[in-house]
Structures are given as C-alpha cells and as structure tokens.
Amino acid sequence: MGKNPIVPFLLIMALGIGLIFFMSLYGLDQKAEIADVDSDEPEVTEEFDGESVAQGKCIACHGGDLEGASAPKLVGTDLSKEDLVDIIKNGTDGGMPAGLIPDGDLDAMADYILSLE
C-alpha cells in the first residue's frame, strides 16, 4: 500500500487555518494602533521645516536654489496661497506628482514658498 496523497494537503490546510486564527487574535490586540494609522485626520508635522522639505522633495525639478530647472521657479512665484496648496496637494498634468507633502503641512509649505525671495 502507498501513502495517502491527501494527508499532506490536510496538514497544510490545518496549519494555515491555525495561523489565520492566531494572527487574528494578535490583530485584536493591535486594533487601537491600527485605528490610529487609518484615521482620516491629516498628519501634521510637529515642527515643519520648509527648507529641509524643499531640499528633499523639490530641488530635483525646481533646482537647488528653487529658481526653476525642469519645473517653474518657486522663488518669487505669482501664485496665490490657495493655488499653491492645490498644486502641492493634487499635482499638475505637467509632471508635478500629487501627495509629496502630508495634508497637515500643505499650508505651511505654501507659506514657505511664498516667503522665498
């Protein structure tokens, strides 16, 4: 008599069901932490530093001095704060990606850009 080919599949199935059960118990212990991550409130950086954000996310396209390279210049822009917030949040069709700055920091980033001279 040969071995029953179904036994390994049943063992793997039982192991999978057991793993799912124990992972769900672990998830119940973490539900408060998971709820905080999924909240709809915008994340606000405690100390927003527009210069360091610009150096990390803007200079590749807007140039090291933000005077424009492959993208429009940010220094001395004619855009309003509302326009800047909209562009920073939603991006543009011309290549500016959306979502580079957390929603809670949009106003602060727009203020930083408007302060550039």
PDB file of N, CA and C in Angstrom:
ATOM      1  N   MET A   1       0.821  -1.192   0.000  1.00  0.00           N
ATOM      2  CA  MET A   1       0.000   0.000   0.000  1.00  0.00           C
ATOM      3  C   MET A   1       0.868   1.259   0.000  1.00  0.00           C
ATOM      4  N   GLY A   2       0.411   2.248  -0.733  1.00  0.00           N
ATOM      5  CA  GLY A   2       1.139   3.502  -0.826  1.00  0.00           C
ATOM      6  C   GLY A   2       0.642   4.523   0.200  1.00  0.00           C
ATOM      7  N   LYS A   3       1.318   5.588   0.231  1.00  0.00           N
ATOM      8  CA  LYS A   3       0.919   6.675   1.133  1.00  0.00           C
ATOM      9  C   LYS A   3      -0.308   7.374   0.578  1.00  0.00           C
ATOM     10  N   ASN A   4      -1.112   7.904   1.482  1.00  0.00           N
ATOM     11  CA  ASN A   4      -2.299   8.651   1.081  1.00  0.00           C
ATOM     12  C   ASN A   4      -1.867  10.071   0.673  1.00  0.00           C
ATOM     13  N   PRO A   5      -2.093  10.481  -0.590  1.00  0.00           N
ATOM     14  CA  PRO A   5      -1.622  11.796  -1.056  1.00  0.00           C
ATOM     15  C   PRO A   5      -2.418  12.963  -0.469  1.00  0.00           C
ATOM     16  N   ILE A   6      -3.519  12.726   0.175  1.00  0.00           N
ATOM     17  CA  ILE A   6      -4.348  13.804   0.718  1.00  0.00           C
ATOM     18  C   ILE A   6      -3.806  14.295   2.068  1.00  0.00           C
ATOM     19  N   VAL A   7      -3.108  13.461   2.802  1.00  0.00           N
ATOM     20  CA  VAL A   7      -2.651  13.808   4.152  1.00  0.00           C
ATOM     21  C   VAL A   7      -1.791  15.076   4.163  1.00  0.00           C
ATOM     22  N   PRO A   8      -0.804  15.245   3.297  1.00  0.00           N
ATOM     23  CA  PRO A   8      -0.014  16.486   3.350  1.00  0.00           C
ATOM     24  C   PRO A   8      -0.864  17.735   3.102  1.00  0.00           C
ATOM     25  N   PHE A   9      -1.828  17.636   2.204  1.00  0.00           N
ATOM     26  CA  PHE A   9      -2.691  18.790   1.930  1.00  0.00           C
ATOM     27  C   PHE A   9      -3.556  19.120   3.138  1.00  0.00           C
ATOM     28  N   LEU A  10      -4.055  18.124   3.828  1.00  0.00           N
ATOM     29  CA  LEU A  10      -4.858  18.358   5.031  1.00  0.00           C
ATOM     30  C   LEU A  10      -4.013  18.983   6.138  1.00  0.00           C
ATOM     31  N   LEU A  11      -2.781  18.528   6.278  1.00  0.00           N
ATOM     32  CA  LEU A  11      -1.894  19.108   7.282  1.00  0.00           C
ATOM     33  C   LEU A  11      -1.597  20.580   6.973  1.00  0.00           C
ATOM     34  N   ILE A  12      -1.333  20.881   5.722  1.00  0.00           N
ATOM     35  CA  ILE A  12      -1.058  22.266   5.328  1.00  0.00           C
ATOM     36  C   ILE A  12      -2.293  23.129   5.544  1.00  0.00           C
ATOM     37  N   MET A  13      -3.466  22.612   5.224  1.00  0.00           N
ATOM     38  CA  MET A  13      -4.708  23.353   5.429  1.00  0.00           C
ATOM     39  C   MET A  13      -4.922  23.632   6.918  1.00  0.00           C
ATOM     40  N   ALA A  14      -4.735  22.640   7.750  1.00  0.00           N
ATOM     41  CA  ALA A  14      -4.923  22.816   9.191  1.00  0.00           C
ATOM     42  C   ALA A  14      -3.926  23.837   9.736  1.00  0.00           C
ATOM     43  N   LEU A  15      -2.691  23.781   9.256  1.00  0.00           N
ATOM     44  CA  LEU A  15      -1.681  24.745   9.686  1.00  0.00           C
ATOM     45  C   LEU A  15      -2.075  26.166   9.262  1.00  0.00           C
ATOM     46  N   GLY A  16      -2.570  26.311   8.043  1.00  0.00           N
ATOM     47  CA  GLY A  16      -2.998  27.623   7.545  1.00  0.00           C
ATOM     48  C   GLY A  16      -4.151  28.191   8.338  1.00  0.00           C
ATOM     49  N   ILE A  17      -5.136  27.360   8.647  1.00  0.00           N
ATOM     50  CA  ILE A  17      -6.289  27.812   9.437  1.00  0.00           C
ATOM     51  C   ILE A  17      -5.832  28.212  10.838  1.00  0.00           C
ATOM     52  N   GLY A  18      -4.949  27.422  11.422  1.00  0.00           N
ATOM     53  CA  GLY A  18      -4.429  27.763  12.744  1.00  0.00           C
ATOM     54  C   GLY A  18      -3.662  29.073  12.726  1.00  0.00           C
ATOM     55  N   LEU A  19      -2.851  29.289  11.697  1.00  0.00           N
ATOM     56  CA  LEU A  19      -2.082  30.525  11.575  1.00  0.00           C
ATOM     57  C   LEU A  19      -3.005  31.731  11.433  1.00  0.00           C
ATOM     58  N   ILE A  20      -4.038  31.608  10.624  1.00  0.00           N
ATOM     59  CA  ILE A  20      -5.004  32.694  10.459  1.00  0.00           C
ATOM     60  C   ILE A  20      -5.690  33.002  11.778  1.00  0.00           C
ATOM     61  N   PHE A  21      -6.066  31.982  12.529  1.00  0.00           N
ATOM     62  CA  PHE A  21      -6.730  32.166  13.823  1.00  0.00           C
ATOM     63  C   PHE A  21      -5.833  32.941  14.785  1.00  0.00           C
ATOM     64  N   PHE A  22      -4.578  32.513  14.916  1.00  0.00           N
ATOM     65  CA  PHE A  22      -3.686  33.170  15.859  1.00  0.00           C
ATOM     66  C   PHE A  22      -3.305  34.577  15.401  1.00  0.00           C
ATOM     67  N   MET A  23      -3.208  34.796  14.103  1.00  0.00           N
ATOM     68  CA  MET A  23      -2.915  36.148  13.607  1.00  0.00           C
ATOM     69  C   MET A  23      -4.097  37.087  13.866  1.00  0.00           C
ATOM     70  N   SER A  24      -5.310  36.582  13.777  1.00  0.00           N
ATOM     71  CA  SER A  24      -6.475  37.423  14.058  1.00  0.00           C
ATOM     72  C   SER A  24      -6.534  37.783  15.535  1.00  0.00           C
ATOM     73  N   LEU A  25      -6.145  36.870  16.412  1.00  0.00           N
ATOM     74  CA  LEU A  25      -6.089  37.198  17.838  1.00  0.00           C
ATOM     75  C   LEU A  25      -5.049  38.289  18.094  1.00  0.00           C
ATOM     76  N   TYR A  26      -3.922  38.199  17.425  1.00  0.00           N
ATOM     77  CA  TYR A  26      -2.885  39.219  17.564  1.00  0.00           C
ATOM     78  C   TYR A  26      -3.411  40.561  17.044  1.00  0.00           C
ATOM     79  N   GLY A  27      -4.143  40.539  15.956  1.00  0.00           N
ATOM     80  CA  GLY A  27      -4.708  41.765  15.391  1.00  0.00           C
ATOM     81  C   GLY A  27      -5.705  42.420  16.324  1.00  0.00           C
ATOM     82  N   LEU A  28      -6.460  41.634  17.090  1.00  0.00           N
ATOM     83  CA  LEU A  28      -7.405  42.208  18.045  1.00  0.00           C
ATOM     84  C   LEU A  28      -6.678  43.014  19.117  1.00  0.00           C
ATOM     85  N   ASP A  29      -5.509  42.549  19.507  1.00  0.00           N
ATOM     86  CA  ASP A  29      -4.728  43.284  20.493  1.00  0.00           C
ATOM     87  C   ASP A  29      -4.180  44.589  19.918  1.00  0.00           C
ATOM     88  N   GLN A  30      -4.043  44.672  18.612  1.00  0.00           N
ATOM     89  CA  GLN A  30      -3.455  45.841  17.958  1.00  0.00           C
ATOM     90  C   GLN A  30      -4.505  46.777  17.351  1.00  0.00           C
ATOM     91  N   LYS A  31      -5.791  46.575  17.636  1.00  0.00           N
ATOM     92  CA  LYS A  31      -6.831  47.335  16.931  1.00  0.00           C
ATOM     93  C   LYS A  31      -6.768  48.838  17.202  1.00  0.00           C
ATOM     94  N   ALA A  32      -6.367  49.263  18.397  1.00  0.00           N
ATOM     95  CA  ALA A  32      -6.265  50.700  18.665  1.00  0.00           C
ATOM     96  C   ALA A  32      -5.149  51.320  17.820  1.00  0.00           C
ATOM     97  N   GLU A  33      -4.028  50.626  17.710  1.00  0.00           N
ATOM     98  CA  GLU A  33      -2.911  51.123  16.903  1.00  0.00           C
ATOM     99  C   GLU A  33      -3.288  51.169  15.425  1.00  0.00           C
ATOM    100  N   ILE A  34      -3.990  50.146  14.955  1.00  0.00           N
ATOM    101  CA  ILE A  34      -4.423  50.102  13.561  1.00  0.00           C
ATOM    102  C   ILE A  34      -5.412  51.226  13.284  1.00  0.00           C
ATOM    103  N   ALA A  35      -6.303  51.510  14.224  1.00  0.00           N
ATOM    104  CA  ALA A  35      -7.289  52.582  14.045  1.00  0.00           C
ATOM    105  C   ALA A  35      -6.597  53.934  13.933  1.00  0.00           C
ATOM    106  N   ASP A  36      -5.515  54.155  14.684  1.00  0.00           N
ATOM    107  CA  ASP A  36      -4.786  55.421  14.597  1.00  0.00           C
ATOM    108  C   ASP A  36      -4.147  55.601  13.234  1.00  0.00           C
ATOM    109  N   VAL A  37      -3.637  54.538  12.646  1.00  0.00           N
ATOM    110  CA  VAL A  37      -2.987  54.613  11.342  1.00  0.00           C
ATOM    111  C   VAL A  37      -3.998  54.924  10.254  1.00  0.00           C
ATOM    112  N   ASP A  38      -5.209  54.404  10.364  1.00  0.00           N
ATOM    113  CA  ASP A  38      -6.215  54.567   9.327  1.00  0.00           C
ATOM    114  C   ASP A  38      -7.091  55.797   9.517  1.00  0.00           C
ATOM    115  N   SER A  39      -6.784  56.665  10.472  1.00  0.00           N
ATOM    116  CA  SER A  39      -7.646  57.819  10.709  1.00  0.00           C
ATOM    117  C   SER A  39      -7.605  58.763   9.518  1.00  0.00           C
ATOM    118  N   ASP A  40      -8.696  59.497   9.321  1.00  0.00           N
ATOM    119  CA  ASP A  40      -8.806  60.420   8.200  1.00  0.00           C
ATOM    120  C   ASP A  40      -8.205  61.788   8.512  1.00  0.00           C
ATOM    121  N   GLU A  41      -7.785  62.012   9.747  1.00  0.00           N
ATOM    122  CA  GLU A  41      -7.212  63.293  10.102  1.00  0.00           C
ATOM    123  C   GLU A  41      -5.845  63.447   9.447  1.00  0.00           C
ATOM    124  N   PRO A  42      -5.578  64.605   8.866  1.00  0.00           N
ATOM    125  CA  PRO A  42      -4.274  64.793   8.230  1.00  0.00           C
ATOM    126  C   PRO A  42      -3.151  64.769   9.258  1.00  0.00           C
ATOM    127  N   GLU A  43      -2.046  64.196   8.846  1.00  0.00           N
ATOM    128  CA  GLU A  43      -0.875  64.137   9.713  1.00  0.00           C
ATOM    129  C   GLU A  43      -0.196  65.500   9.705  1.00  0.00           C
ATOM    130  N   VAL A  44       0.069  66.031  10.881  1.00  0.00           N
ATOM    131  CA  VAL A  44       0.718  67.328  10.996  1.00  0.00           C
ATOM    132  C   VAL A  44       2.093  67.114  11.601  1.00  0.00           C
ATOM    133  N   THR A  45       3.097  67.588  10.913  1.00  0.00           N
ATOM    134  CA  THR A  45       4.451  67.504  11.433  1.00  0.00           C
ATOM    135  C   THR A  45       4.584  68.514  12.558  1.00  0.00           C
ATOM    136  N   GLU A  46       5.158  68.095  13.685  1.00  0.00           N
ATOM    137  CA  GLU A  46       5.234  68.991  14.846  1.00  0.00           C
ATOM    138  C   GLU A  46       6.014  70.254  14.539  1.00  0.00           C
ATOM    139  N   GLU A  47       7.177  70.128  13.969  1.00  0.00           N
ATOM    140  CA  GLU A  47       7.975  71.287  13.609  1.00  0.00           C
ATOM    141  C   GLU A  47       8.255  71.224  12.116  1.00  0.00           C
ATOM    142  N   PHE A  48       7.437  71.920  11.354  1.00  0.00           N
ATOM    143  CA  PHE A  48       7.590  71.898   9.906  1.00  0.00           C
ATOM    144  C   PHE A  48       8.764  72.765   9.510  1.00  0.00           C
ATOM    145  N   ASP A  49       9.664  72.212   8.719  1.00  0.00           N
ATOM    146  CA  ASP A  49      10.828  72.951   8.228  1.00  0.00           C
ATOM    147  C   ASP A  49      10.762  72.952   6.704  1.00  0.00           C
ATOM    148  N   GLY A  50      10.213  74.038   6.162  1.00  0.00           N
ATOM    149  CA  GLY A  50      10.029  74.138   4.721  1.00  0.00           C
ATOM    150  C   GLY A  50      11.313  73.998   3.939  1.00  0.00           C
ATOM    151  N   GLU A  51      12.408  74.529   4.462  1.00  0.00           N
ATOM    152  CA  GLU A  51      13.676  74.464   3.737  1.00  0.00           C
ATOM    153  C   GLU A  51      14.153  73.025   3.588  1.00  0.00           C
ATOM    154  N   SER A  52      14.081  72.244   4.667  1.00  0.00           N
ATOM    155  CA  SER A  52      14.548  70.856   4.561  1.00  0.00           C
ATOM    156  C   SER A  52      13.612  70.028   3.693  1.00  0.00           C
ATOM    157  N   VAL A  53      12.316  70.316   3.745  1.00  0.00           N
ATOM    158  CA  VAL A  53      11.372  69.608   2.869  1.00  0.00           C
ATOM    159  C   VAL A  53      11.664  69.947   1.418  1.00  0.00           C
ATOM    160  N   ALA A  54      11.894  71.224   1.144  1.00  0.00           N
ATOM    161  CA  ALA A  54      12.204  71.649  -0.223  1.00  0.00           C
ATOM    162  C   ALA A  54      13.495  71.003  -0.708  1.00  0.00           C
ATOM    163  N   GLN A  55      14.501  70.918   0.160  1.00  0.00           N
ATOM    164  CA  GLN A  55      15.769  70.296  -0.224  1.00  0.00           C
ATOM    165  C   GLN A  55      15.581  68.812  -0.507  1.00  0.00           C
ATOM    166  N   GLY A  56      14.661  68.176   0.181  1.00  0.00           N
ATOM    167  CA  GLY A  56      14.457  66.749  -0.013  1.00  0.00           C
ATOM    168  C   GLY A  56      13.511  66.395  -1.144  1.00  0.00           C
ATOM    169  N   LYS A  57      12.534  67.279  -1.434  1.00  0.00           N
ATOM    170  CA  LYS A  57      11.495  66.882  -2.381  1.00  0.00           C
ATOM    171  C   LYS A  57      11.345  67.797  -3.590  1.00  0.00           C
ATOM    172  N   CYS A  58      11.891  68.991  -3.546  1.00  0.00           N
ATOM    173  CA  CYS A  58      11.610  69.962  -4.607  1.00  0.00           C
ATOM    174  C   CYS A  58      12.786  70.243  -5.536  1.00  0.00           C
ATOM    175  N   ILE A  59      14.016  70.139  -5.006  1.00  0.00           N
ATOM    176  CA  ILE A  59      15.164  70.604  -5.788  1.00  0.00           C
ATOM    177  C   ILE A  59      15.435  69.784  -7.040  1.00  0.00           C
ATOM    178  N   ALA A  60      14.995  68.545  -7.067  1.00  0.00           N
ATOM    179  CA  ALA A  60      15.254  67.718  -8.250  1.00  0.00           C
ATOM    180  C   ALA A  60      14.630  68.332  -9.498  1.00  0.00           C
ATOM    181  N   CYS A  61      13.481  68.946  -9.355  1.00  0.00           N
ATOM    182  CA  CYS A  61      12.797  69.538 -10.516  1.00  0.00           C
ATOM    183  C   CYS A  61      12.887  71.069 -10.545  1.00  0.00           C
ATOM    184  N   HIS A  62      12.812  71.688  -9.360  1.00  0.00           N
ATOM    185  CA  HIS A  62      12.773  73.146  -9.302  1.00  0.00           C
ATOM    186  C   HIS A  62      14.158  73.767  -9.156  1.00  0.00           C
ATOM    187  N   GLY A  63      15.194  72.949  -9.071  1.00  0.00           N
ATOM    188  CA  GLY A  63      16.559  73.445  -8.973  1.00  0.00           C
ATOM    189  C   GLY A  63      17.002  73.639  -7.536  1.00  0.00           C
ATOM    190  N   GLY A  64      18.302  73.616  -7.333  1.00  0.00           N
ATOM    191  CA  GLY A  64      18.871  73.726  -5.997  1.00  0.00           C
ATOM    192  C   GLY A  64      18.528  75.007  -5.282  1.00  0.00           C
ATOM    193  N   ASP A  65      18.367  76.099  -6.034  1.00  0.00           N
ATOM    194  CA  ASP A  65      18.000  77.376  -5.432  1.00  0.00           C
ATOM    195  C   ASP A  65      16.518  77.680  -5.618  1.00  0.00           C
ATOM    196  N   LEU A  66      15.774  76.700  -6.125  1.00  0.00           N
ATOM    197  CA  LEU A  66      14.323  76.788  -6.382  1.00  0.00           C
ATOM    198  C   LEU A  66      13.986  77.892  -7.393  1.00  0.00           C
ATOM    199  N   GLU A  67      14.965  78.227  -8.230  1.00  0.00           N
ATOM    200  CA  GLU A  67      14.777  79.246  -9.264  1.00  0.00           C
ATOM    201  C   GLU A  67      14.288  78.649 -10.582  1.00  0.00           C
ATOM    202  N   GLY A  68      13.989  77.381 -10.574  1.00  0.00           N
ATOM    203  CA  GLY A  68      13.490  76.736 -11.774  1.00  0.00           C
ATOM    204  C   GLY A  68      14.575  75.965 -12.487  1.00  0.00           C
ATOM    205  N   ALA A  69      14.253  74.772 -12.884  1.00  0.00           N
ATOM    206  CA  ALA A  69      15.150  73.931 -13.688  1.00  0.00           C
ATOM    207  C   ALA A  69      14.254  73.306 -14.744  1.00  0.00           C
ATOM    208  N   SER A  70      13.800  72.099 -14.494  1.00  0.00           N
ATOM    209  CA  SER A  70      12.853  71.481 -15.425  1.00  0.00           C
ATOM    210  C   SER A  70      11.410  71.783 -15.008  1.00  0.00           C
ATOM    211  N   ALA A  71      11.241  72.536 -13.928  1.00  0.00           N
ATOM    212  CA  ALA A  71       9.914  72.932 -13.443  1.00  0.00           C
ATOM    213  C   ALA A  71       9.946  74.432 -13.159  1.00  0.00           C
ATOM    214  N   PRO A  72       8.786  75.056 -13.032  1.00  0.00           N
ATOM    215  CA  PRO A  72       8.754  76.511 -12.789  1.00  0.00           C
ATOM    216  C   PRO A  72       9.490  76.907 -11.508  1.00  0.00           C
ATOM    217  N   LYS A  73       9.936  78.157 -11.477  1.00  0.00           N
ATOM    218  CA  LYS A  73      10.619  78.644 -10.288  1.00  0.00           C
ATOM    219  C   LYS A  73       9.621  78.834  -9.148  1.00  0.00           C
ATOM    220  N   LEU A  74      10.100  78.615  -7.946  1.00  0.00           N
ATOM    221  CA  LEU A  74       9.271  78.805  -6.757  1.00  0.00           C
ATOM    222  C   LEU A  74       9.571  80.144  -6.089  1.00  0.00           C
ATOM    223  N   VAL A  75      10.792  80.638  -6.273  1.00  0.00           N
ATOM    224  CA  VAL A  75      11.184  81.916  -5.684  1.00  0.00           C
ATOM    225  C   VAL A  75      10.440  83.031  -6.405  1.00  0.00           C
ATOM    226  N   GLY A  76       9.724  83.849  -5.637  1.00  0.00           N
ATOM    227  CA  GLY A  76       9.002  84.974  -6.218  1.00  0.00           C
ATOM    228  C   GLY A  76       7.823  84.568  -7.084  1.00  0.00           C
ATOM    229  N   THR A  77       7.178  83.460  -6.778  1.00  0.00           N
ATOM    230  CA  THR A  77       6.047  82.991  -7.579  1.00  0.00           C
ATOM    231  C   THR A  77       4.883  83.975  -7.524  1.00  0.00           C
ATOM    232  N   ASP A  78       4.100  84.001  -8.582  1.00  0.00           N
ATOM    233  CA  ASP A  78       2.918  84.863  -8.651  1.00  0.00           C
ATOM    234  C   ASP A  78       1.660  84.122  -8.189  1.00  0.00           C
ATOM    235  N   LEU A  79       1.797  82.860  -7.842  1.00  0.00           N
ATOM    236  CA  LEU A  79       0.641  82.065  -7.441  1.00  0.00           C
ATOM    237  C   LEU A  79       0.149  82.471  -6.061  1.00  0.00           C
ATOM    238  N   SER A  80      -1.164  82.343  -5.844  1.00  0.00           N
ATOM    239  CA  SER A  80      -1.731  82.612  -4.520  1.00  0.00           C
ATOM    240  C   SER A  80      -1.499  81.414  -3.611  1.00  0.00           C
ATOM    241  N   LYS A  81      -1.712  81.616  -2.327  1.00  0.00           N
ATOM    242  CA  LYS A  81      -1.543  80.517  -1.367  1.00  0.00           C
ATOM    243  C   LYS A  81      -2.496  79.375  -1.702  1.00  0.00           C
ATOM    244  N   GLU A  82      -3.726  79.704  -2.053  1.00  0.00           N
ATOM    245  CA  GLU A  82      -4.718  78.675  -2.386  1.00  0.00           C
ATOM    246  C   GLU A  82      -4.287  77.874  -3.609  1.00  0.00           C
ATOM    247  N   ASP A  83      -3.750  78.563  -4.616  1.00  0.00           N
ATOM    248  CA  ASP A  83      -3.265  77.867  -5.810  1.00  0.00           C
ATOM    249  C   ASP A  83      -2.102  76.943  -5.467  1.00  0.00           C
ATOM    250  N   LEU A  84      -1.181  77.435  -4.632  1.00  0.00           N
ATOM    251  CA  LEU A  84      -0.035  76.619  -4.228  1.00  0.00           C
ATOM    252  C   LEU A  84      -0.485  75.371  -3.477  1.00  0.00           C
ATOM    253  N   VAL A  85      -1.410  75.548  -2.536  1.00  0.00           N
ATOM    254  CA  VAL A  85      -1.913  74.405  -1.766  1.00  0.00           C
ATOM    255  C   VAL A  85      -2.535  73.382  -2.707  1.00  0.00           C
ATOM    256  N   ASP A  86      -3.320  73.850  -3.670  1.00  0.00           N
ATOM    257  CA  ASP A  86      -3.960  72.951  -4.627  1.00  0.00           C
ATOM    258  C   ASP A  86      -2.925  72.191  -5.457  1.00  0.00           C
ATOM    259  N   ILE A  87      -1.914  72.887  -5.936  1.00  0.00           N
ATOM    260  CA  ILE A  87      -0.884  72.244  -6.760  1.00  0.00           C
ATOM    261  C   ILE A  87      -0.075  71.247  -5.940  1.00  0.00           C
ATOM    262  N   ILE A  88       0.307  71.644  -4.716  1.00  0.00           N
ATOM    263  CA  ILE A  88       1.100  70.752  -3.871  1.00  0.00           C
ATOM    264  C   ILE A  88       0.307  69.494  -3.539  1.00  0.00           C
ATOM    265  N   LYS A  89      -0.978  69.657  -3.268  1.00  0.00           N
ATOM    266  CA  LYS A  89      -1.813  68.510  -2.881  1.00  0.00           C
ATOM    267  C   LYS A  89      -2.148  67.619  -4.075  1.00  0.00           C
ATOM    268  N   ASN A  90      -2.570  68.215  -5.181  1.00  0.00           N
ATOM    269  CA  ASN A  90      -3.108  67.450  -6.308  1.00  0.00           C
ATOM    270  C   ASN A  90      -2.135  67.257  -7.471  1.00  0.00           C
ATOM    271  N   GLY A  91      -1.010  67.964  -7.450  1.00  0.00           N
ATOM    272  CA  GLY A  91      -0.071  67.851  -8.553  1.00  0.00           C
ATOM    273  C   GLY A  91      -0.578  68.587  -9.784  1.00  0.00           C
ATOM    274  N   THR A  92       0.128  68.412 -10.901  1.00  0.00           N
ATOM    275  CA  THR A  92      -0.274  69.032 -12.167  1.00  0.00           C
ATOM    276  C   THR A  92      -0.177  68.001 -13.281  1.00  0.00           C
ATOM    277  N   ASP A  93      -0.797  68.323 -14.395  1.00  0.00           N
ATOM    278  CA  ASP A  93      -0.712  67.441 -15.562  1.00  0.00           C
ATOM    279  C   ASP A  93       0.684  67.481 -16.169  1.00  0.00           C
ATOM    280  N   GLY A  94       1.437  68.536 -15.883  1.00  0.00           N
ATOM    281  CA  GLY A  94       2.755  68.707 -16.473  1.00  0.00           C
ATOM    282  C   GLY A  94       3.861  67.928 -15.796  1.00  0.00           C
ATOM    283  N   GLY A  95       3.558  67.154 -14.786  1.00  0.00           N
ATOM    284  CA  GLY A  95       4.591  66.316 -14.193  1.00  0.00           C
ATOM    285  C   GLY A  95       4.758  66.437 -12.696  1.00  0.00           C
ATOM    286  N   MET A  96       4.166  67.442 -12.061  1.00  0.00           N
ATOM    287  CA  MET A  96       4.277  67.554 -10.600  1.00  0.00           C
ATOM    288  C   MET A  96       3.413  66.466  -9.978  1.00  0.00           C
ATOM    289  N   PRO A  97       4.022  65.561  -9.219  1.00  0.00           N
ATOM    290  CA  PRO A  97       3.237  64.485  -8.607  1.00  0.00           C
ATOM    291  C   PRO A  97       2.421  64.993  -7.421  1.00  0.00           C
ATOM    292  N   ALA A  98       1.307  64.368  -7.187  1.00  0.00           N
ATOM    293  CA  ALA A  98       0.456  64.714  -6.053  1.00  0.00           C
ATOM    294  C   ALA A  98       0.967  64.034  -4.794  1.00  0.00           C
ATOM    295  N   GLY A  99       0.621  64.619  -3.646  1.00  0.00           N
ATOM    296  CA  GLY A  99       0.862  63.965  -2.369  1.00  0.00           C
ATOM    297  C   GLY A  99       2.287  63.962  -1.862  1.00  0.00           C
ATOM    298  N   LEU A 100       3.133  64.865  -2.320  1.00  0.00           N
ATOM    299  CA  LEU A 100       4.511  64.895  -1.819  1.00  0.00           C
ATOM    300  C   LEU A 100       4.584  65.393  -0.373  1.00  0.00           C
ATOM    301  N   ILE A 101       3.633  66.226   0.007  1.00  0.00           N
ATOM    302  CA  ILE A 101       3.607  66.820   1.343  1.00  0.00           C
ATOM    303  C   ILE A 101       2.354  66.315   2.052  1.00  0.00           C
ATOM    304  N   PRO A 102       2.448  65.910   3.329  1.00  0.00           N
ATOM    305  CA  PRO A 102       1.257  65.483   4.070  1.00  0.00           C
ATOM    306  C   PRO A 102       0.224  66.611   4.133  1.00  0.00           C
ATOM    307  N   ASP A 103      -1.059  66.258   4.125  1.00  0.00           N
ATOM    308  CA  ASP A 103      -2.134  67.257   4.107  1.00  0.00           C
ATOM    309  C   ASP A 103      -2.022  68.278   5.231  1.00  0.00           C
ATOM    310  N   GLY A 104      -1.570  67.853   6.393  1.00  0.00           N
ATOM    311  CA  GLY A 104      -1.459  68.773   7.522  1.00  0.00           C
ATOM    312  C   GLY A 104      -0.380  69.822   7.348  1.00  0.00           C
ATOM    313  N   ASP A 105       0.541  69.627   6.422  1.00  0.00           N
ATOM    314  CA  ASP A 105       1.640  70.565   6.205  1.00  0.00           C
ATOM    315  C   ASP A 105       1.486  71.391   4.936  1.00  0.00           C
ATOM    316  N   LEU A 106       0.364  71.259   4.247  1.00  0.00           N
ATOM    317  CA  LEU A 106       0.185  71.966   2.976  1.00  0.00           C
ATOM    318  C   LEU A 106       0.251  73.479   3.148  1.00  0.00           C
ATOM    319  N   ASP A 107      -0.463  74.006   4.151  1.00  0.00           N
ATOM    320  CA  ASP A 107      -0.461  75.453   4.367  1.00  0.00           C
ATOM    321  C   ASP A 107       0.935  75.954   4.719  1.00  0.00           C
ATOM    322  N   ALA A 108       1.629  75.203   5.566  1.00  0.00           N
ATOM    323  CA  ALA A 108       2.979  75.608   5.975  1.00  0.00           C
ATOM    324  C   ALA A 108       3.926  75.602   4.781  1.00  0.00           C
ATOM    325  N   MET A 109       3.794  74.619   3.892  1.00  0.00           N
ATOM    326  CA  MET A 109       4.669  74.573   2.712  1.00  0.00           C
ATOM    327  C   MET A 109       4.358  75.728   1.773  1.00  0.00           C
ATOM    328  N   ALA A 110       3.072  76.036   1.586  1.00  0.00           N
ATOM    329  CA  ALA A 110       2.690  77.169   0.740  1.00  0.00           C
ATOM    330  C   ALA A 110       3.233  78.471   1.331  1.00  0.00           C
ATOM    331  N   ASP A 111       3.135  78.619   2.656  1.00  0.00           N
ATOM    332  CA  ASP A 111       3.689  79.818   3.302  1.00  0.00           C
ATOM    333  C   ASP A 111       5.191  79.908   3.093  1.00  0.00           C
ATOM    334  N   TYR A 112       5.880  78.758   3.190  1.00  0.00           N
ATOM    335  CA  TYR A 112       7.334  78.764   2.968  1.00  0.00           C
ATOM    336  C   TYR A 112       7.663  79.220   1.545  1.00  0.00           C
ATOM    337  N   ILE A 113       6.949  78.674   0.569  1.00  0.00           N
ATOM    338  CA  ILE A 113       7.219  79.056  -0.834  1.00  0.00           C
ATOM    339  C   ILE A 113       6.959  80.537  -1.036  1.00  0.00           C
ATOM    340  N   LEU A 114       5.880  81.054  -0.448  1.00  0.00           N
ATOM    341  CA  LEU A 114       5.559  82.480  -0.600  1.00  0.00           C
ATOM    342  C   LEU A 114       6.583  83.364   0.102  1.00  0.00           C
ATOM    343  N   SER A 115       7.302  82.821   1.086  1.00  0.00           N
ATOM    344  CA  SER A 115       8.304  83.616   1.804  1.00  0.00           C
ATOM    345  C   SER A 115       9.622  83.710   1.051  1.00  0.00           C
ATOM    346  N   LEU A 116       9.795  82.883   0.010  1.00  0.00           N
ATOM    347  CA  LEU A 116      11.058  82.869  -0.744  1.00  0.00           C
ATOM    348  C   LEU A 116      11.207  84.146  -1.562  1.00  0.00           C
ATOM    349  N   GLU A 117      12.368  84.744  -1.498  1.00  0.00           N
ATOM    350  CA  GLU A 117      12.632  85.950  -2.304  1.00  0.00           C
ATOM    351  C   GLU A 117      13.985  85.875  -2.929  1.00  0.00           C
TER     352      GLU A 117
END
